[in-house]
């Protein structure tokens, strides 16, 4: 008799969470027809319909809702088995891919590399710069092993270590100082604003600021790169969120000013990894170093 495969369960979970075959395919590195085939085969083996097709995508059936938790547990158990096998090998070695949500200096990547090099010389790290939302998705798709993110953790299969709570302020070009010191919501709406993409938690933060202060921007520029955003601010092209620790240098150099009426807005900085991989010697070594660097 045919038996279900782990790749079918991974596809099942991806479709359930994405609500779309195409998005799920990108997550598990499969084409849309392949995703459909995985789900169809799994449904035939289980003898139940897992998804209802809707105009907006797909939704779990009652049976699918009952089984999704079991599928996640099976995948977690399989990953723990792999981790256990690695543990039996002894010495910490291998490769880990780490997502970086902001500039390496702020995340103390130099210190991280130095400590890893001294304590675990056979452990190799790959650093990937991406928005926080992308890092979470890539982590759960097993394309990353860990990452730094500016957001909370909505997933039960991911463990998050809170490292810090940096603040963000709204900044604009230095020549706008007088305007920004006394600007009303309507006057602030006349400025162009940088608007992060949907993969970035700062989009929601900025939307909340607009709502709280009744600001309806007439024009926005989409950007996620902090380097690009700072340049747009300094050049007088737009207003934007800037990390609080960067503001003093921009102000002192006469390149930008803070909009005082919009206040300070804290966010979470977390280090995340898959819970099922927690006992992997390489990840445990990495996590210990992160805890030490951030005094946890």
Protein backbone atom coordinates (compact mmCIF):
# COMPACT_ATOMS: atom_id res chain seq x y z
CA UNK A 1 0.00 0.00 0.00
CA UNK A 2 1.23 3.54 -0.71
CA UNK A 3 2.38 5.58 2.26
CA UNK A 4 2.44 9.31 2.72
CA UNK A 5 5.73 11.15 2.30
CA UNK A 6 7.16 14.00 4.36
CA UNK A 7 7.16 16.27 1.30
CA UNK A 8 3.40 15.78 1.03
CA UNK A 9 2.94 16.84 4.64
CA UNK A 10 5.20 19.87 4.12
CA UNK A 11 3.07 20.87 1.14
CA UNK A 12 -0.12 20.30 3.15
CA UNK A 13 1.09 22.63 5.92
CA UNK A 14 2.35 25.24 3.43
CA UNK A 15 -0.97 25.35 1.55
CA UNK A 16 -2.92 25.55 4.80
CA UNK A 17 -0.87 28.50 6.03
CA UNK A 18 -0.58 30.34 2.71
CA UNK A 19 -4.14 29.69 1.53
CA UNK A 20 -2.84 29.57 -2.02
CA UNK A 21 -1.18 26.85 -4.12
CA UNK A 22 1.18 29.24 -5.90
CA UNK A 23 2.46 30.86 -2.70
CA UNK A 24 2.80 27.45 -1.07
CA UNK A 25 4.80 26.26 -4.08
CA UNK A 26 7.31 29.09 -3.67
CA UNK A 27 7.71 28.16 -0.03
CA UNK A 28 8.39 24.46 -0.67
CA UNK A 29 10.20 25.04 -3.98
CA UNK A 30 7.62 23.28 -6.13
CA UNK A 31 5.52 24.30 -9.10
CA UNK A 32 1.80 24.91 -8.73
CA UNK A 33 0.96 21.66 -10.60
CA UNK A 34 3.33 19.76 -8.30
CA UNK A 35 1.64 21.25 -5.23
CA UNK A 36 -1.75 20.21 -6.60
CA UNK A 37 -0.41 16.71 -7.22
CA UNK A 38 0.99 16.45 -3.67
CA UNK A 39 -2.32 17.46 -2.15
CA UNK A 40 -4.36 15.19 -4.41
CA UNK A 41 -2.14 12.19 -3.60
CA UNK A 42 -2.32 12.92 0.13
CA UNK A 43 -6.10 13.25 -0.02
CA UNK A 44 -6.35 9.91 -1.82
CA UNK A 45 -4.10 8.19 0.72
CA UNK A 46 -5.98 9.64 3.69
CA UNK A 47 -9.39 9.19 2.12
CA UNK A 48 -10.58 12.69 3.02
CA UNK A 49 -10.81 16.07 1.32
CA UNK A 50 -8.32 18.46 2.91
CA UNK A 51 -9.20 21.72 1.15
CA UNK A 52 -12.18 23.52 -0.29
CA UNK A 53 -11.45 25.63 -3.35
CA UNK A 54 -12.76 29.21 -3.12
CA UNK A 55 -12.49 32.30 -5.38
CA UNK A 56 -9.86 33.65 -2.98
CA UNK A 57 -7.76 30.47 -2.88
CA UNK A 58 -8.20 27.41 -0.68
CA UNK A 59 -9.48 26.81 2.85
CA UNK A 60 -9.15 23.82 5.14
CA UNK A 61 -12.13 21.50 5.29
CA UNK A 62 -13.33 20.22 8.66
CA UNK A 63 -11.17 17.12 8.14
CA UNK A 64 -8.20 19.24 7.09
CA UNK A 65 -8.54 21.36 10.23
CA UNK A 66 -8.51 18.19 12.33
CA UNK A 67 -5.40 16.81 10.63
CA UNK A 68 -3.20 19.90 10.22
CA UNK A 69 -1.97 19.76 13.82
CA UNK A 70 -0.98 16.11 13.43
CA UNK A 71 0.90 16.91 10.21
CA UNK A 72 2.89 19.63 11.98
CA UNK A 73 3.73 17.23 14.82
CA UNK A 74 4.97 14.58 12.37
CA UNK A 75 7.21 17.12 10.63
CA UNK A 76 8.55 18.33 13.98
CA UNK A 77 9.28 14.74 15.02
CA UNK A 78 11.16 14.10 11.75
CA UNK A 79 13.29 17.21 12.27
CA UNK A 80 14.02 16.23 15.87
CA UNK A 81 15.16 12.82 14.62
CA UNK A 82 17.62 14.50 12.25
CA UNK A 83 18.82 16.76 15.04
CA UNK A 84 19.35 13.78 17.33
CA UNK A 85 21.43 12.05 14.68
CA UNK A 86 23.63 15.13 14.33
CA UNK A 87 24.02 15.28 18.12
CA UNK A 88 25.44 11.76 18.14
CA UNK A 89 28.22 12.86 15.80
CA UNK A 90 29.85 14.81 18.63
CA UNK A 91 31.86 17.87 17.55
CA UNK A 92 29.98 21.03 16.58
CA UNK A 93 30.34 21.54 12.86
CA UNK A 94 28.29 22.24 9.74
CA UNK A 95 26.64 25.27 8.16
CA UNK A 96 23.95 27.62 9.41
CA UNK A 97 22.11 30.25 7.35
CA UNK A 98 21.13 33.34 9.36
CA UNK A 99 18.75 36.10 8.30
CA UNK A 100 19.67 39.72 9.12
CA UNK A 101 16.82 42.24 9.32
CA UNK A 102 18.98 45.34 9.68
CA UNK A 103 22.58 46.54 9.39
CA UNK A 104 25.23 44.10 10.66
CA UNK A 105 26.78 46.69 12.97
CA UNK A 106 23.59 47.07 15.01
CA UNK A 107 23.18 43.29 15.23
CA UNK A 108 26.83 42.93 16.33
CA UNK A 109 27.56 40.48 13.54
CA UNK A 110 31.31 41.07 13.91
CA UNK A 111 31.14 39.94 17.52
CA UNK A 112 29.04 36.95 16.54
CA UNK A 113 31.54 35.85 13.90
CA UNK A 114 34.47 36.40 16.25
CA UNK A 115 32.96 34.28 19.04
CA UNK A 116 31.89 31.51 16.66
CA UNK A 117 35.35 31.46 15.08
CA UNK A 118 37.05 31.14 18.47
CA UNK A 119 34.74 28.60 20.09
CA UNK A 120 33.41 26.62 17.14
CA UNK A 121 35.96 26.84 14.29
CA UNK A 122 34.24 24.12 12.24
CA UNK A 123 30.87 25.91 12.27
CA UNK A 124 30.31 27.98 9.12
CA UNK A 125 27.76 30.79 8.93
CA UNK A 126 25.94 32.18 5.89
CA UNK A 127 24.46 35.66 6.33
CA UNK A 128 21.38 36.71 4.36
CA UNK A 129 19.96 40.27 4.43
CA UNK A 130 16.15 40.31 4.15
CA UNK A 131 13.05 42.02 5.61
CA UNK A 132 11.72 40.47 8.81
CA UNK A 133 8.66 38.91 7.18
CA UNK A 134 10.79 37.21 4.55
CA UNK A 135 13.15 35.89 7.23
CA UNK A 136 10.25 34.28 9.12
CA UNK A 137 8.89 32.68 5.96
CA UNK A 138 12.30 31.41 4.88
CA UNK A 139 12.96 30.07 8.36
CA UNK A 140 9.74 28.06 8.38
CA UNK A 141 10.46 26.86 4.85
CA UNK A 142 13.85 25.62 6.15
CA UNK A 143 15.82 27.87 3.82
CA UNK A 144 17.21 29.64 6.90
CA UNK A 145 18.25 28.13 10.23
CA UNK A 146 17.84 31.25 12.36
CA UNK A 147 17.42 34.99 12.05
CA UNK A 148 17.05 38.42 13.59
CA UNK A 149 13.62 40.00 13.08
CA UNK A 150 11.89 43.25 13.99
CA UNK A 151 8.55 41.76 15.03
CA UNK A 152 6.85 39.37 17.39
CA UNK A 153 6.48 35.66 16.73
CA UNK A 154 3.02 34.47 15.62
CA UNK A 155 4.05 30.85 14.99
CA UNK A 156 4.04 27.98 17.47
CA UNK A 157 6.77 26.10 15.60
CA UNK A 158 9.20 29.03 16.00
CA UNK A 159 11.04 30.04 19.18
CA UNK A 160 11.85 33.71 19.72
CA UNK A 161 14.42 35.25 22.05
CA UNK A 162 13.71 38.91 22.71
CA UNK A 163 17.01 40.76 22.42
CA UNK A 164 16.04 44.42 22.68
CA UNK A 165 13.27 46.96 22.17
CA UNK A 166 14.74 49.70 19.97
CA UNK A 167 12.73 52.84 19.31
CA UNK A 168 11.95 54.48 15.97
CA UNK A 169 11.26 58.14 15.23
CA UNK A 170 10.01 60.03 12.18
CA UNK A 171 12.74 62.07 10.48
CA UNK A 172 12.98 64.46 7.57
CA UNK A 173 15.61 66.62 5.89
CA UNK A 174 17.29 69.28 8.05
CA UNK A 175 15.88 72.11 5.90
CA UNK A 176 12.39 71.07 7.01
CA UNK A 177 13.12 71.66 10.71
CA UNK A 178 10.79 74.60 11.21
CA UNK A 179 7.98 72.95 9.25
CA UNK A 180 8.27 69.67 11.16
CA UNK A 181 8.41 71.37 14.57
CA UNK A 182 4.93 72.85 14.14
CA UNK A 183 3.34 70.78 11.37
CA UNK A 184 -0.31 69.79 11.70
CA UNK A 185 -1.56 66.38 10.50
CA UNK A 186 -2.77 67.97 7.25
CA UNK A 187 0.62 69.59 6.69
CA UNK A 188 2.43 66.30 7.42
CA UNK A 189 0.18 64.62 4.86
CA UNK A 190 1.54 66.98 2.19
CA UNK A 191 5.00 65.41 2.54
CA UNK A 192 5.99 62.30 0.62
CA UNK A 193 6.43 59.31 2.98
CA UNK A 194 8.50 56.16 2.61
CA UNK A 195 6.17 53.16 2.92
CA UNK A 196 7.68 49.74 3.73
CA UNK A 197 6.40 46.68 1.85
CA UNK A 198 4.03 44.03 3.15
CA UNK A 199 7.00 41.84 4.19
CA UNK A 200 8.15 44.47 6.66
CA UNK A 201 6.62 44.92 10.18
CA UNK A 202 7.27 48.65 9.93
CA UNK A 203 4.46 48.93 7.41
CA UNK A 204 1.93 48.11 10.12
CA UNK A 205 3.72 50.43 12.56
CA UNK A 206 3.59 53.28 10.07
CA UNK A 207 -0.08 52.66 9.30
CA UNK A 208 -0.78 52.83 13.03
CA UNK A 209 1.05 56.16 13.22
CA UNK A 210 -1.03 57.50 10.33
CA UNK A 211 -4.19 56.37 12.12
CA UNK A 212 -3.17 57.69 15.55
CA UNK A 213 -2.23 61.13 14.25
CA UNK A 214 -4.88 61.33 11.47
CA UNK A 215 -2.32 61.61 8.66
CA UNK A 216 -3.37 60.72 5.10
CA UNK A 217 -0.24 61.01 2.92
CA UNK A 218 -0.82 62.28 -0.58
CA UNK A 219 2.20 60.37 -1.94
CA UNK A 220 4.34 57.45 -0.79
CA UNK A 221 7.54 55.72 -1.92
CA UNK A 222 7.92 51.98 -1.37
CA UNK A 223 11.29 50.95 0.11
CA UNK A 224 12.69 48.43 2.61
CA UNK A 225 16.44 49.09 2.47
CA UNK A 226 17.46 51.20 5.46
CA UNK A 227 20.34 52.67 3.47
CA UNK A 228 17.94 53.78 0.74
CA UNK A 229 15.48 55.14 3.30
CA UNK A 230 18.13 57.22 5.10
CA UNK A 231 19.29 58.67 1.79
CA UNK A 232 15.73 59.61 0.83
CA UNK A 233 15.34 61.36 4.19
CA UNK A 234 18.65 63.23 3.99
CA UNK A 235 18.01 64.28 0.37
CA UNK A 236 14.63 65.74 1.31
CA UNK A 237 12.65 63.28 -0.78
CA UNK A 238 10.47 61.86 2.00
CA UNK A 239 9.71 61.45 5.70
CA UNK A 240 10.35 58.06 7.22
CA UNK A 241 10.90 55.94 10.30
CA UNK A 242 14.56 55.89 11.38
CA UNK A 243 16.04 53.85 14.21
CA UNK A 244 16.44 56.02 17.29
CA UNK A 245 20.14 55.27 17.80
CA UNK A 246 20.89 56.61 14.29
CA UNK A 247 19.06 59.91 14.83
CA UNK A 248 21.69 61.80 16.92
CA UNK A 249 24.40 61.45 14.27
CA UNK A 250 22.04 62.57 11.49
CA UNK A 251 20.94 65.58 13.56
CA UNK A 252 24.47 66.51 14.70
CA UNK A 253 25.76 66.41 11.14
CA UNK A 254 22.98 68.75 10.01
CA UNK A 255 21.54 66.25 7.56
CA UNK A 256 18.17 65.45 9.16
CA UNK A 257 15.82 66.35 11.99
CA UNK A 258 13.28 64.50 14.11
CA UNK A 259 9.56 65.28 13.89
CA UNK A 260 8.91 65.74 17.64
CA UNK A 261 5.11 65.70 17.55
CA UNK A 262 4.99 62.08 16.33
CA UNK A 263 6.98 60.71 19.28
CA UNK A 264 8.96 57.49 19.75
CA UNK A 265 7.72 54.09 18.65
CA UNK A 266 9.29 50.93 20.17
CA UNK A 267 9.54 47.62 18.30
CA UNK A 268 10.73 44.14 19.27
CA UNK A 269 14.05 42.76 18.09
CA UNK A 270 13.98 38.97 18.29
CA UNK A 271 16.34 36.12 17.46
CA UNK A 272 14.28 33.27 16.03
CA UNK A 273 14.78 29.63 15.11
CA UNK A 274 12.63 26.54 14.53
CA UNK A 275 11.63 24.97 17.84
CA UNK A 276 12.17 21.45 16.50
CA UNK A 277 15.81 22.29 15.78
CA UNK A 278 16.52 23.62 19.27
CA UNK A 279 18.69 20.66 20.28
CA UNK A 280 20.81 20.70 17.14
CA UNK A 281 24.39 21.18 18.39
CA UNK A 282 25.22 23.82 15.78
CA UNK A 283 22.09 25.85 16.44
CA UNK A 284 22.50 25.47 20.19
CA UNK A 285 26.07 26.78 19.88
CA UNK A 286 24.84 29.74 17.84
CA UNK A 287 22.05 30.47 20.31
CA UNK A 288 24.46 30.37 23.26
CA UNK A 289 26.69 32.94 21.55
CA UNK A 290 23.71 35.19 20.76
CA UNK A 291 22.57 34.99 24.40
CA UNK A 292 26.08 35.93 25.56
CA UNK A 293 26.41 38.86 23.15
CA UNK A 294 23.02 40.28 24.10
CA UNK A 295 23.45 39.54 27.82
CA UNK A 296 20.40 37.29 28.06
